[in-house]
Amino acid sequence: MDQKQQFVHLANSGKSHVSELCHDFGISRKTGHKYLKRYAEHGACGLSERSRRPHSLPGGIAAAVEKLVLKLILIINLSLFI
């Protein structure tokens, strides 16, 4: 049993307060409550590691625009050698 599952098991047993368990496990109360919420919503699967990658990149460049810029750079570089 990994630490997250052990934390949730002990917290749900009611033998210890969440704040005490958080201190014992070296996590913040916010993180402890996050684990409990994820477990309540998704079960043991909710405790697995999640990607930290953003779902979207609002400041990103569209693939077509990036391709066009790279073509222009190539044309400019080639024209310098002529």
N, C-alpha and C. Protein backbone atom coordinates (compact mmCIF):
# COMPACT_ATOMS: atom_id res chain seq x y z
N MET A 1 0.85 -1.17 0.00
CA MET A 1 0.00 0.00 0.00
C MET A 1 0.90 1.23 0.00
N ASP A 2 0.69 2.13 -0.97
CA ASP A 2 1.53 3.33 -1.00
C ASP A 2 1.05 4.34 0.04
N GLN A 3 1.80 5.41 0.18
CA GLN A 3 1.52 6.37 1.24
C GLN A 3 0.18 7.06 1.10
N LYS A 4 -0.22 7.38 -0.13
CA LYS A 4 -1.51 8.05 -0.33
C LYS A 4 -2.65 7.14 0.12
N GLN A 5 -2.59 5.87 -0.29
CA GLN A 5 -3.63 4.93 0.10
C GLN A 5 -3.63 4.70 1.61
N GLN A 6 -2.46 4.62 2.18
CA GLN A 6 -2.35 4.45 3.63
C GLN A 6 -2.94 5.66 4.35
N PHE A 7 -2.64 6.85 3.85
CA PHE A 7 -3.19 8.08 4.44
C PHE A 7 -4.72 8.05 4.40
N VAL A 8 -5.28 7.74 3.24
CA VAL A 8 -6.74 7.73 3.08
C VAL A 8 -7.37 6.66 3.98
N HIS A 9 -6.75 5.50 4.04
CA HIS A 9 -7.26 4.41 4.88
C HIS A 9 -7.31 4.85 6.35
N LEU A 10 -6.22 5.44 6.82
CA LEU A 10 -6.17 5.89 8.22
C LEU A 10 -7.16 7.03 8.48
N ALA A 11 -7.28 7.94 7.52
CA ALA A 11 -8.20 9.07 7.70
C ALA A 11 -9.65 8.59 7.73
N ASN A 12 -9.97 7.63 6.87
CA ASN A 12 -11.34 7.12 6.82
C ASN A 12 -11.67 6.20 7.99
N SER A 13 -10.66 5.69 8.67
CA SER A 13 -10.91 4.82 9.82
C SER A 13 -11.44 5.61 11.01
N GLY A 14 -11.16 6.92 11.02
CA GLY A 14 -11.65 7.77 12.09
C GLY A 14 -10.84 7.71 13.37
N LYS A 15 -9.73 6.99 13.35
CA LYS A 15 -8.91 6.87 14.56
C LYS A 15 -8.02 8.08 14.79
N SER A 16 -7.76 8.84 13.73
CA SER A 16 -6.91 10.03 13.83
C SER A 16 -7.55 11.18 13.09
N HIS A 17 -7.22 12.38 13.50
CA HIS A 17 -7.68 13.57 12.80
C HIS A 17 -6.83 13.76 11.54
N VAL A 18 -7.43 14.36 10.55
CA VAL A 18 -6.73 14.59 9.29
C VAL A 18 -5.50 15.46 9.51
N SER A 19 -5.62 16.47 10.35
CA SER A 19 -4.47 17.36 10.57
C SER A 19 -3.30 16.60 11.21
N GLU A 20 -3.59 15.67 12.12
CA GLU A 20 -2.53 14.87 12.73
C GLU A 20 -1.87 13.96 11.69
N LEU A 21 -2.69 13.34 10.86
CA LEU A 21 -2.16 12.46 9.83
C LEU A 21 -1.30 13.24 8.84
N CYS A 22 -1.76 14.42 8.48
CA CYS A 22 -0.99 15.26 7.55
C CYS A 22 0.39 15.56 8.14
N HIS A 23 0.42 15.88 9.41
CA HIS A 23 1.70 16.15 10.07
C HIS A 23 2.57 14.90 10.05
N ASP A 24 1.98 13.75 10.38
CA ASP A 24 2.74 12.49 10.41
C ASP A 24 3.27 12.11 9.03
N PHE A 25 2.50 12.39 7.97
CA PHE A 25 2.91 12.03 6.62
C PHE A 25 3.74 13.11 5.94
N GLY A 26 3.86 14.26 6.60
CA GLY A 26 4.68 15.35 6.05
C GLY A 26 4.04 16.04 4.87
N ILE A 27 2.71 16.15 4.87
CA ILE A 27 2.00 16.84 3.80
C ILE A 27 1.14 17.95 4.42
N SER A 28 0.73 18.89 3.59
CA SER A 28 -0.11 19.97 4.09
C SER A 28 -1.55 19.46 4.26
N ARG A 29 -2.33 20.16 5.05
CA ARG A 29 -3.74 19.78 5.21
C ARG A 29 -4.48 19.91 3.88
N LYS A 30 -4.10 20.90 3.10
CA LYS A 30 -4.73 21.08 1.79
C LYS A 30 -4.51 19.85 0.92
N THR A 31 -3.28 19.33 0.92
CA THR A 31 -2.96 18.14 0.13
C THR A 31 -3.71 16.93 0.69
N GLY A 32 -3.77 16.80 2.01
CA GLY A 32 -4.49 15.69 2.63
C GLY A 32 -5.95 15.68 2.24
N HIS A 33 -6.58 16.83 2.28
CA HIS A 33 -7.99 16.92 1.89
C HIS A 33 -8.17 16.68 0.39
N LYS A 34 -7.17 17.07 -0.39
CA LYS A 34 -7.22 16.80 -1.83
C LYS A 34 -7.22 15.29 -2.08
N TYR A 35 -6.36 14.57 -1.38
CA TYR A 35 -6.31 13.10 -1.51
C TYR A 35 -7.65 12.48 -1.13
N LEU A 36 -8.24 12.96 -0.03
CA LEU A 36 -9.52 12.41 0.42
C LEU A 36 -10.63 12.69 -0.59
N LYS A 37 -10.62 13.87 -1.17
CA LYS A 37 -11.64 14.22 -2.16
C LYS A 37 -11.48 13.37 -3.41
N ARG A 38 -10.25 13.21 -3.88
CA ARG A 38 -10.01 12.39 -5.08
C ARG A 38 -10.41 10.94 -4.83
N TYR A 39 -10.13 10.44 -3.63
CA TYR A 39 -10.49 9.07 -3.31
C TYR A 39 -12.01 8.92 -3.28
N ALA A 40 -12.69 9.89 -2.70
CA ALA A 40 -14.16 9.84 -2.62
C ALA A 40 -14.79 9.89 -4.01
N GLU A 41 -14.19 10.64 -4.92
CA GLU A 41 -14.76 10.80 -6.26
C GLU A 41 -14.39 9.67 -7.21
N HIS A 42 -13.15 9.15 -7.11
CA HIS A 42 -12.65 8.21 -8.11
C HIS A 42 -12.14 6.90 -7.54
N GLY A 43 -12.19 6.72 -6.23
CA GLY A 43 -11.65 5.51 -5.63
C GLY A 43 -10.14 5.51 -5.66
N ALA A 44 -9.56 4.32 -5.63
CA ALA A 44 -8.10 4.19 -5.59
C ALA A 44 -7.44 4.78 -6.83
N CYS A 45 -8.14 4.77 -7.96
CA CYS A 45 -7.59 5.35 -9.20
C CYS A 45 -7.36 6.85 -9.06
N GLY A 46 -8.13 7.50 -8.23
CA GLY A 46 -7.99 8.94 -8.04
C GLY A 46 -6.71 9.33 -7.34
N LEU A 47 -6.04 8.36 -6.73
CA LEU A 47 -4.80 8.65 -6.00
C LEU A 47 -3.56 8.49 -6.86
N SER A 48 -3.73 8.03 -8.09
CA SER A 48 -2.57 7.85 -8.97
C SER A 48 -2.02 9.22 -9.39
N GLU A 49 -0.75 9.22 -9.77
CA GLU A 49 -0.11 10.46 -10.19
C GLU A 49 -0.80 11.03 -11.41
N ARG A 50 -0.95 12.32 -11.43
CA ARG A 50 -1.57 13.01 -12.56
C ARG A 50 -0.54 13.85 -13.29
N SER A 51 -0.79 14.03 -14.56
CA SER A 51 0.11 14.84 -15.37
C SER A 51 0.00 16.30 -14.92
N ARG A 52 1.13 16.97 -14.91
CA ARG A 52 1.13 18.40 -14.57
C ARG A 52 1.12 19.26 -15.83
N ARG A 53 1.06 18.60 -16.97
CA ARG A 53 1.04 19.31 -18.25
C ARG A 53 -0.28 20.08 -18.38
N PRO A 54 -0.21 21.32 -18.82
CA PRO A 54 -1.45 22.10 -18.98
C PRO A 54 -2.34 21.49 -20.06
N HIS A 55 -3.64 21.63 -19.89
CA HIS A 55 -4.60 21.12 -20.87
C HIS A 55 -4.57 21.92 -22.16
N SER A 56 -4.22 23.16 -22.04
CA SER A 56 -4.14 24.01 -23.23
C SER A 56 -2.98 24.98 -23.07
N LEU A 57 -2.58 25.57 -24.17
CA LEU A 57 -1.49 26.53 -24.17
C LEU A 57 -1.99 27.78 -24.88
N PRO A 58 -2.65 28.68 -24.15
CA PRO A 58 -3.28 29.83 -24.79
C PRO A 58 -2.30 30.72 -25.55
N GLY A 59 -1.06 30.80 -25.09
CA GLY A 59 -0.07 31.64 -25.76
C GLY A 59 0.70 30.90 -26.84
N GLY A 60 0.30 29.68 -27.11
CA GLY A 60 1.02 28.87 -28.08
C GLY A 60 0.75 29.31 -29.52
N ILE A 61 1.56 28.81 -30.42
CA ILE A 61 1.44 29.16 -31.84
C ILE A 61 0.80 27.99 -32.56
N ALA A 62 -0.14 28.28 -33.43
CA ALA A 62 -0.79 27.24 -34.22
C ALA A 62 0.26 26.57 -35.12
N ALA A 63 0.05 25.30 -35.39
CA ALA A 63 1.02 24.53 -36.18
C ALA A 63 1.22 25.14 -37.57
N ALA A 64 0.14 25.63 -38.19
CA ALA A 64 0.25 26.22 -39.52
C ALA A 64 1.10 27.49 -39.49
N VAL A 65 0.93 28.30 -38.45
CA VAL A 65 1.71 29.54 -38.32
C VAL A 65 3.18 29.20 -38.08
N GLU A 66 3.43 28.21 -37.24
CA GLU A 66 4.81 27.81 -36.98
C GLU A 66 5.49 27.32 -38.26
N LYS A 67 4.78 26.55 -39.04
CA LYS A 67 5.33 26.04 -40.30
C LYS A 67 5.66 27.19 -41.25
N LEU A 68 4.78 28.17 -41.33
CA LEU A 68 4.99 29.33 -42.19
C LEU A 68 6.21 30.13 -41.74
N VAL A 69 6.36 30.35 -40.46
CA VAL A 69 7.49 31.10 -39.93
C VAL A 69 8.80 30.37 -40.25
N LEU A 70 8.81 29.07 -40.09
CA LEU A 70 10.02 28.30 -40.38
C LEU A 70 10.38 28.38 -41.87
N LYS A 71 9.37 28.38 -42.73
CA LYS A 71 9.63 28.52 -44.17
C LYS A 71 10.23 29.89 -44.48
N LEU A 72 9.69 30.92 -43.85
CA LEU A 72 10.21 32.27 -44.07
C LEU A 72 11.65 32.39 -43.59
N ILE A 73 11.94 31.80 -42.45
CA ILE A 73 13.32 31.84 -41.94
C ILE A 73 14.25 31.14 -42.92
N LEU A 74 13.83 30.01 -43.44
CA LEU A 74 14.64 29.27 -44.41
C LEU A 74 14.86 30.10 -45.67
N ILE A 75 13.83 30.76 -46.17
CA ILE A 75 13.96 31.60 -47.38
C ILE A 75 14.91 32.76 -47.12
N ILE A 76 14.79 33.38 -45.97
CA ILE A 76 15.68 34.52 -45.64
C ILE A 76 17.12 34.05 -45.54
N ASN A 77 17.34 32.93 -44.88
CA ASN A 77 18.70 32.41 -44.75
C ASN A 77 19.29 32.03 -46.09
N LEU A 78 18.50 31.45 -46.97
CA LEU A 78 18.99 31.07 -48.29
C LEU A 78 19.30 32.31 -49.13
N SER A 79 18.50 33.37 -48.96
CA SER A 79 18.73 34.58 -49.76
C SER A 79 20.01 35.31 -49.35
N LEU A 80 20.47 35.07 -48.12
CA LEU A 80 21.71 35.70 -47.66
C LEU A 80 22.93 35.12 -48.36
N PHE A 81 22.83 33.93 -48.86
CA PHE A 81 23.96 33.26 -49.51
C PHE A 81 23.97 33.46 -51.01
N ILE A 82 23.01 34.14 -51.55
CA ILE A 82 22.95 34.35 -53.01
C ILE A 82 23.65 35.64 -53.38
